[in-house]
Amino acid sequence: MGLPQEALGHHARRIRLQVIPNNRASTLDAFVLANVELGSIILTDDHPSYVNLSKLGYTHDPNTFGLMAAHVVLP
């Protein structure tokens, strides 16, 4: 699922949810380009598929929450 979020400070103002077919970089890139204004700050988990966001014109702020990395598939 894709979830870009528009924020004002640390408060979410608007989100967009969409089921996406996979978590490949090309899929995530296309979703972000279609839904997030260029130049925005994008907060994500630290999944490796977000690697291109900075190259596409966004400020990428990856964060890992908890002990489990984002690329670990849950049971």
PDB file of N, CA and C in Angstrom:
ATOM      1  N   MET A   1       0.846  -1.160   0.000  1.00  0.00           N
ATOM      2  CA  MET A   1       0.000   0.000   0.000  1.00  0.00           C
ATOM      3  C   MET A   1       0.897   1.229   0.000  1.00  0.00           C
ATOM      4  N   GLY A   2       0.585   2.195  -0.808  1.00  0.00           N
ATOM      5  CA  GLY A   2       1.308   3.450  -0.831  1.00  0.00           C
ATOM      6  C   GLY A   2       0.634   4.455   0.075  1.00  0.00           C
ATOM      7  N   LEU A   3       1.424   5.291   0.731  1.00  0.00           N
ATOM      8  CA  LEU A   3       0.852   6.243   1.676  1.00  0.00           C
ATOM      9  C   LEU A   3       1.688   7.514   1.751  1.00  0.00           C
ATOM     10  N   PRO A   4       1.593   8.414   0.770  1.00  0.00           N
ATOM     11  CA  PRO A   4       2.239   9.696   0.965  1.00  0.00           C
ATOM     12  C   PRO A   4       1.387  10.540   1.902  1.00  0.00           C
ATOM     13  N   GLN A   5       2.032  11.350   2.678  1.00  0.00           N
ATOM     14  CA  GLN A   5       1.335  12.153   3.686  1.00  0.00           C
ATOM     15  C   GLN A   5       1.788  13.602   3.588  1.00  0.00           C
ATOM     16  N   GLU A   6       0.845  14.502   3.560  1.00  0.00           N
ATOM     17  CA  GLU A   6       1.167  15.925   3.609  1.00  0.00           C
ATOM     18  C   GLU A   6       1.151  16.330   5.072  1.00  0.00           C
ATOM     19  N   ALA A   7       2.197  17.016   5.502  1.00  0.00           N
ATOM     20  CA  ALA A   7       2.284  17.356   6.923  1.00  0.00           C
ATOM     21  C   ALA A   7       2.533  18.843   7.104  1.00  0.00           C
ATOM     22  N   LEU A   8       2.077  19.341   8.229  1.00  0.00           N
ATOM     23  CA  LEU A   8       2.357  20.696   8.662  1.00  0.00           C
ATOM     24  C   LEU A   8       3.055  20.538  10.001  1.00  0.00           C
ATOM     25  N   GLY A   9       4.370  20.733  10.014  1.00  0.00           N
ATOM     26  CA  GLY A   9       5.130  20.411  11.214  1.00  0.00           C
ATOM     27  C   GLY A   9       5.092  18.907  11.390  1.00  0.00           C
ATOM     28  N   HIS A  10       4.677  18.448  12.532  1.00  0.00           N
ATOM     29  CA  HIS A  10       4.581  17.012  12.793  1.00  0.00           C
ATOM     30  C   HIS A  10       3.137  16.529  12.769  1.00  0.00           C
ATOM     31  N   HIS A  11       2.234  17.320  12.199  1.00  0.00           N
ATOM     32  CA  HIS A  11       0.817  16.968  12.163  1.00  0.00           C
ATOM     33  C   HIS A  11       0.393  16.651  10.733  1.00  0.00           C
ATOM     34  N   ALA A  12      -0.161  15.454  10.541  1.00  0.00           N
ATOM     35  CA  ALA A  12      -0.625  15.063   9.211  1.00  0.00           C
ATOM     36  C   ALA A  12      -1.824  15.905   8.816  1.00  0.00           C
ATOM     37  N   ARG A  13      -1.836  16.358   7.565  1.00  0.00           N
ATOM     38  CA  ARG A  13      -2.972  17.118   7.055  1.00  0.00           C
ATOM     39  C   ARG A  13      -3.747  16.341   6.014  1.00  0.00           C
ATOM     40  N   ARG A  14      -3.036  15.575   5.194  1.00  0.00           N
ATOM     41  CA  ARG A  14      -3.717  14.860   4.117  1.00  0.00           C
ATOM     42  C   ARG A  14      -2.893  13.625   3.768  1.00  0.00           C
ATOM     43  N   ILE A  15      -3.564  12.510   3.540  1.00  0.00           N
ATOM     44  CA  ILE A  15      -2.871  11.301   3.108  1.00  0.00           C
ATOM     45  C   ILE A  15      -3.574  10.737   1.881  1.00  0.00           C
ATOM     46  N   ARG A  16      -2.851   9.941   1.127  1.00  0.00           N
ATOM     47  CA  ARG A  16      -3.411   9.270  -0.043  1.00  0.00           C
ATOM     48  C   ARG A  16      -3.050   7.799   0.068  1.00  0.00           C
ATOM     49  N   LEU A  17      -4.045   6.928   0.117  1.00  0.00           N
ATOM     50  CA  LEU A  17      -3.831   5.491   0.187  1.00  0.00           C
ATOM     51  C   LEU A  17      -4.155   4.866  -1.159  1.00  0.00           C
ATOM     52  N   GLN A  18      -3.359   3.897  -1.529  1.00  0.00           N
ATOM     53  CA  GLN A  18      -3.626   3.164  -2.760  1.00  0.00           C
ATOM     54  C   GLN A  18      -2.945   1.813  -2.654  1.00  0.00           C
ATOM     55  N   VAL A  19      -3.631   0.764  -3.044  1.00  0.00           N
ATOM     56  CA  VAL A  19      -2.998  -0.545  -3.121  1.00  0.00           C
ATOM     57  C   VAL A  19      -2.073  -0.524  -4.332  1.00  0.00           C
ATOM     58  N   ILE A  20      -0.828  -0.908  -4.120  1.00  0.00           N
ATOM     59  CA  ILE A  20       0.137  -0.959  -5.215  1.00  0.00           C
ATOM     60  C   ILE A  20       0.572  -2.418  -5.397  1.00  0.00           C
ATOM     61  N   PRO A  21       0.982  -2.787  -6.605  1.00  0.00           N
ATOM     62  CA  PRO A  21       1.233  -4.197  -6.894  1.00  0.00           C
ATOM     63  C   PRO A  21       2.466  -4.798  -6.218  1.00  0.00           C
ATOM     64  N   ASN A  22       3.424  -3.969  -5.844  1.00  0.00           N
ATOM     65  CA  ASN A  22       4.654  -4.481  -5.244  1.00  0.00           C
ATOM     66  C   ASN A  22       5.393  -3.328  -4.586  1.00  0.00           C
ATOM     67  N   ASN A  23       6.525  -3.619  -3.973  1.00  0.00           N
ATOM     68  CA  ASN A  23       7.294  -2.562  -3.304  1.00  0.00           C
ATOM     69  C   ASN A  23       8.622  -2.288  -4.010  1.00  0.00           C
ATOM     70  N   ARG A  24       8.653  -2.486  -5.313  1.00  0.00           N
ATOM     71  CA  ARG A  24       9.854  -2.163  -6.092  1.00  0.00           C
ATOM     72  C   ARG A  24      10.032  -0.653  -6.180  1.00  0.00           C
ATOM     73  N   ALA A  25      11.273  -0.234  -6.328  1.00  0.00           N
ATOM     74  CA  ALA A  25      11.577   1.195  -6.413  1.00  0.00           C
ATOM     75  C   ALA A  25      10.790   1.862  -7.537  1.00  0.00           C
ATOM     76  N   SER A  26      10.692   1.226  -8.697  1.00  0.00           N
ATOM     77  CA  SER A  26       9.987   1.845  -9.830  1.00  0.00           C
ATOM     78  C   SER A  26       8.501   2.050  -9.519  1.00  0.00           C
ATOM     79  N   THR A  27       7.900   1.134  -8.794  1.00  0.00           N
ATOM     80  CA  THR A  27       6.490   1.256  -8.418  1.00  0.00           C
ATOM     81  C   THR A  27       6.295   2.379  -7.411  1.00  0.00           C
ATOM     82  N   LEU A  28       7.145   2.418  -6.390  1.00  0.00           N
ATOM     83  CA  LEU A  28       7.050   3.465  -5.374  1.00  0.00           C
ATOM     84  C   LEU A  28       7.347   4.836  -5.982  1.00  0.00           C
ATOM     85  N   ASP A  29       8.340   4.900  -6.866  1.00  0.00           N
ATOM     86  CA  ASP A  29       8.667   6.168  -7.530  1.00  0.00           C
ATOM     87  C   ASP A  29       7.457   6.702  -8.297  1.00  0.00           C
ATOM     88  N   ALA A  30       6.813   5.840  -9.072  1.00  0.00           N
ATOM     89  CA  ALA A  30       5.653   6.258  -9.868  1.00  0.00           C
ATOM     90  C   ALA A  30       4.520   6.741  -8.970  1.00  0.00           C
ATOM     91  N   PHE A  31       4.288   6.049  -7.863  1.00  0.00           N
ATOM     92  CA  PHE A  31       3.231   6.437  -6.934  1.00  0.00           C
ATOM     93  C   PHE A  31       3.524   7.798  -6.315  1.00  0.00           C
ATOM     94  N   VAL A  32       4.755   8.007  -5.879  1.00  0.00           N
ATOM     95  CA  VAL A  32       5.124   9.290  -5.271  1.00  0.00           C
ATOM     96  C   VAL A  32       5.032  10.414  -6.298  1.00  0.00           C
ATOM     97  N   LEU A  33       5.555  10.196  -7.502  1.00  0.00           N
ATOM     98  CA  LEU A  33       5.494  11.229  -8.548  1.00  0.00           C
ATOM     99  C   LEU A  33       4.056  11.628  -8.875  1.00  0.00           C
ATOM    100  N   ALA A  34       3.142  10.677  -8.825  1.00  0.00           N
ATOM    101  CA  ALA A  34       1.745  10.959  -9.157  1.00  0.00           C
ATOM    102  C   ALA A  34       0.986  11.628  -8.013  1.00  0.00           C
ATOM    103  N   ASN A  35       1.518  11.563  -6.782  1.00  0.00           N
ATOM    104  CA  ASN A  35       0.743  12.007  -5.633  1.00  0.00           C
ATOM    105  C   ASN A  35       1.390  13.040  -4.722  1.00  0.00           C
ATOM    106  N   VAL A  36       2.670  13.317  -4.917  1.00  0.00           N
ATOM    107  CA  VAL A  36       3.380  14.212  -3.996  1.00  0.00           C
ATOM    108  C   VAL A  36       4.045  15.336  -4.787  1.00  0.00           C
ATOM    109  N   GLU A  37       3.857  16.557  -4.334  1.00  0.00           N
ATOM    110  CA  GLU A  37       4.443  17.721  -4.997  1.00  0.00           C
ATOM    111  C   GLU A  37       5.973  17.653  -4.948  1.00  0.00           C
ATOM    112  N   LEU A  38       6.619  17.915  -6.088  1.00  0.00           N
ATOM    113  CA  LEU A  38       8.083  17.935  -6.139  1.00  0.00           C
ATOM    114  C   LEU A  38       8.624  18.911  -5.102  1.00  0.00           C
ATOM    115  N   GLY A  39       9.727  18.535  -4.481  1.00  0.00           N
ATOM    116  CA  GLY A  39      10.340  19.376  -3.470  1.00  0.00           C
ATOM    117  C   GLY A  39       9.843  19.086  -2.064  1.00  0.00           C
ATOM    118  N   SER A  40       8.842  18.229  -1.938  1.00  0.00           N
ATOM    119  CA  SER A  40       8.295  17.903  -0.621  1.00  0.00           C
ATOM    120  C   SER A  40       9.273  17.062   0.183  1.00  0.00           C
ATOM    121  N   ILE A  41       9.104  17.091   1.485  1.00  0.00           N
ATOM    122  CA  ILE A  41       9.846  16.209   2.382  1.00  0.00           C
ATOM    123  C   ILE A  41       9.018  14.943   2.538  1.00  0.00           C
ATOM    124  N   ILE A  42       9.630  13.797   2.287  1.00  0.00           N
ATOM    125  CA  ILE A  42       8.933  12.524   2.390  1.00  0.00           C
ATOM    126  C   ILE A  42       9.535  11.730   3.536  1.00  0.00           C
ATOM    127  N   LEU A  43       8.699  11.418   4.515  1.00  0.00           N
ATOM    128  CA  LEU A  43       9.102  10.598   5.647  1.00  0.00           C
ATOM    129  C   LEU A  43       8.710   9.157   5.345  1.00  0.00           C
ATOM    130  N   THR A  44       9.661   8.253   5.409  1.00  0.00           N
ATOM    131  CA  THR A  44       9.374   6.851   5.130  1.00  0.00           C
ATOM    132  C   THR A  44      10.066   5.974   6.166  1.00  0.00           C
ATOM    133  N   ASP A  45       9.768   4.677   6.083  1.00  0.00           N
ATOM    134  CA  ASP A  45      10.598   3.731   6.798  1.00  0.00           C
ATOM    135  C   ASP A  45      11.915   3.654   6.014  1.00  0.00           C
ATOM    136  N   ASP A  46      12.808   2.832   6.417  1.00  0.00           N
ATOM    137  CA  ASP A  46      14.133   2.782   5.787  1.00  0.00           C
ATOM    138  C   ASP A  46      14.218   1.692   4.719  1.00  0.00           C
ATOM    139  N   HIS A  47      13.098   1.408   4.054  1.00  0.00           N
ATOM    140  CA  HIS A  47      13.075   0.364   3.027  1.00  0.00           C
ATOM    141  C   HIS A  47      13.975   0.775   1.864  1.00  0.00           C
ATOM    142  N   PRO A  48      14.781  -0.168   1.341  1.00  0.00           N
ATOM    143  CA  PRO A  48      15.721   0.170   0.265  1.00  0.00           C
ATOM    144  C   PRO A  48      15.074   0.626  -1.039  1.00  0.00           C
ATOM    145  N   SER A  49      13.801   0.349  -1.250  1.00  0.00           N
ATOM    146  CA  SER A  49      13.148   0.750  -2.504  1.00  0.00           C
ATOM    147  C   SER A  49      12.891   2.247  -2.606  1.00  0.00           C
ATOM    148  N   TYR A  50      13.111   2.992  -1.537  1.00  0.00           N
ATOM    149  CA  TYR A  50      12.949   4.452  -1.589  1.00  0.00           C
ATOM    150  C   TYR A  50      14.226   5.154  -2.046  1.00  0.00           C
ATOM    151  N   VAL A  51      15.172   4.411  -2.563  1.00  0.00           N
ATOM    152  CA  VAL A  51      16.501   4.914  -2.899  1.00  0.00           C
ATOM    153  C   VAL A  51      16.492   6.094  -3.881  1.00  0.00           C
ATOM    154  N   ASN A  52      15.501   6.181  -4.755  1.00  0.00           N
ATOM    155  CA  ASN A  52      15.501   7.212  -5.805  1.00  0.00           C
ATOM    156  C   ASN A  52      14.822   8.522  -5.429  1.00  0.00           C
ATOM    157  N   LEU A  53      14.193   8.611  -4.276  1.00  0.00           N
ATOM    158  CA  LEU A  53      13.392   9.797  -3.955  1.00  0.00           C
ATOM    159  C   LEU A  53      14.200  11.090  -4.024  1.00  0.00           C
ATOM    160  N   SER A  54      15.406  11.080  -3.514  1.00  0.00           N
ATOM    161  CA  SER A  54      16.237  12.294  -3.561  1.00  0.00           C
ATOM    162  C   SER A  54      16.582  12.665  -4.996  1.00  0.00           C
ATOM    163  N   LYS A  55      16.869  11.662  -5.825  1.00  0.00           N
ATOM    164  CA  LYS A  55      17.192  11.902  -7.233  1.00  0.00           C
ATOM    165  C   LYS A  55      16.001  12.449  -8.012  1.00  0.00           C
ATOM    166  N   LEU A  56      14.788  12.144  -7.536  1.00  0.00           N
ATOM    167  CA  LEU A  56      13.570  12.584  -8.220  1.00  0.00           C
ATOM    168  C   LEU A  56      13.139  14.001  -7.826  1.00  0.00           C
ATOM    169  N   GLY A  57      13.831  14.603  -6.858  1.00  0.00           N
ATOM    170  CA  GLY A  57      13.499  15.975  -6.488  1.00  0.00           C
ATOM    171  C   GLY A  57      12.803  16.133  -5.149  1.00  0.00           C
ATOM    172  N   TYR A  58      12.851  15.093  -4.317  1.00  0.00           N
ATOM    173  CA  TYR A  58      12.245  15.150  -2.989  1.00  0.00           C
ATOM    174  C   TYR A  58      13.329  15.141  -1.918  1.00  0.00           C
ATOM    175  N   THR A  59      12.989  15.619  -0.748  1.00  0.00           N
ATOM    176  CA  THR A  59      13.866  15.458   0.401  1.00  0.00           C
ATOM    177  C   THR A  59      13.386  14.205   1.121  1.00  0.00           C
ATOM    178  N   HIS A  60      14.251  13.209   1.193  1.00  0.00           N
ATOM    179  CA  HIS A  60      13.871  11.926   1.783  1.00  0.00           C
ATOM    180  C   HIS A  60      14.409  11.839   3.206  1.00  0.00           C
ATOM    181  N   ASP A  61      13.508  11.590   4.156  1.00  0.00           N
ATOM    182  CA  ASP A  61      13.875  11.452   5.565  1.00  0.00           C
ATOM    183  C   ASP A  61      13.481  10.052   6.033  1.00  0.00           C
ATOM    184  N   PRO A  62      14.389   9.055   5.842  1.00  0.00           N
ATOM    185  CA  PRO A  62      14.060   7.693   6.250  1.00  0.00           C
ATOM    186  C   PRO A  62      14.198   7.503   7.756  1.00  0.00           C
ATOM    187  N   ASN A  63      13.280   6.742   8.328  1.00  0.00           N
ATOM    188  CA  ASN A  63      13.299   6.458   9.765  1.00  0.00           C
ATOM    189  C   ASN A  63      12.989   4.989   9.987  1.00  0.00           C
ATOM    190  N   THR A  64      13.699   4.384  10.928  1.00  0.00           N
ATOM    191  CA  THR A  64      13.404   3.019  11.340  1.00  0.00           C
ATOM    192  C   THR A  64      12.816   3.076  12.731  1.00  0.00           C
ATOM    193  N   PHE A  65      11.645   2.512  12.890  1.00  0.00           N
ATOM    194  CA  PHE A  65      10.965   2.501  14.180  1.00  0.00           C
ATOM    195  C   PHE A  65      10.971   1.076  14.720  1.00  0.00           C
ATOM    196  N   GLY A  66      11.384   0.905  15.933  1.00  0.00           N
ATOM    197  CA  GLY A  66      11.421  -0.418  16.526  1.00  0.00           C
ATOM    198  C   GLY A  66      12.669  -1.169  16.114  1.00  0.00           C
ATOM    199  N   LEU A  67      12.678  -2.446  16.405  1.00  0.00           N
ATOM    200  CA  LEU A  67      13.863  -3.270  16.179  1.00  0.00           C
ATOM    201  C   LEU A  67      13.875  -3.967  14.834  1.00  0.00           C
ATOM    202  N   MET A  68      12.745  -4.030  14.139  1.00  0.00           N
ATOM    203  CA  MET A  68      12.676  -4.767  12.894  1.00  0.00           C
ATOM    204  C   MET A  68      12.854  -3.851  11.691  1.00  0.00           C
ATOM    205  N   ALA A  69      13.762  -4.204  10.821  1.00  0.00           N
ATOM    206  CA  ALA A  69      13.996  -3.417   9.603  1.00  0.00           C
ATOM    207  C   ALA A  69      12.790  -3.522   8.666  1.00  0.00           C
ATOM    208  N   ALA A  70      12.599  -2.516   7.828  1.00  0.00           N
ATOM    209  CA  ALA A  70      11.435  -2.448   6.955  1.00  0.00           C
ATOM    210  C   ALA A  70      11.393  -3.539   5.904  1.00  0.00           C
ATOM    211  N   HIS A  71      12.546  -4.055   5.502  1.00  0.00           N
ATOM    212  CA  HIS A  71      12.568  -5.064   4.441  1.00  0.00           C
ATOM    213  C   HIS A  71      12.278  -6.478   4.945  1.00  0.00           C
ATOM    214  N   VAL A  72      12.131  -6.653   6.252  1.00  0.00           N
ATOM    215  CA  VAL A  72      11.812  -7.969   6.816  1.00  0.00           C
ATOM    216  C   VAL A  72      10.326  -8.236   6.636  1.00  0.00           C
ATOM    217  N   VAL A  73       9.989  -9.361   6.005  1.00  0.00           N
ATOM    218  CA  VAL A  73       8.599  -9.714   5.769  1.00  0.00           C
ATOM    219  C   VAL A  73       7.991 -10.239   7.063  1.00  0.00           C
ATOM    220  N   LEU A  74       6.840  -9.690   7.416  1.00  0.00           N
ATOM    221  CA  LEU A  74       6.167 -10.129   8.636  1.00  0.00           C
ATOM    222  C   LEU A  74       5.527 -11.498   8.428  1.00  0.00           C
ATOM    223  N   PRO A  75       5.417 -12.297   9.507  1.00  0.00           N
ATOM    224  CA  PRO A  75       4.820 -13.632   9.372  1.00  0.00           C
ATOM    225  C   PRO A  75       3.326 -13.557   9.082  1.00  0.00           C
TER     226      PRO A  75
END
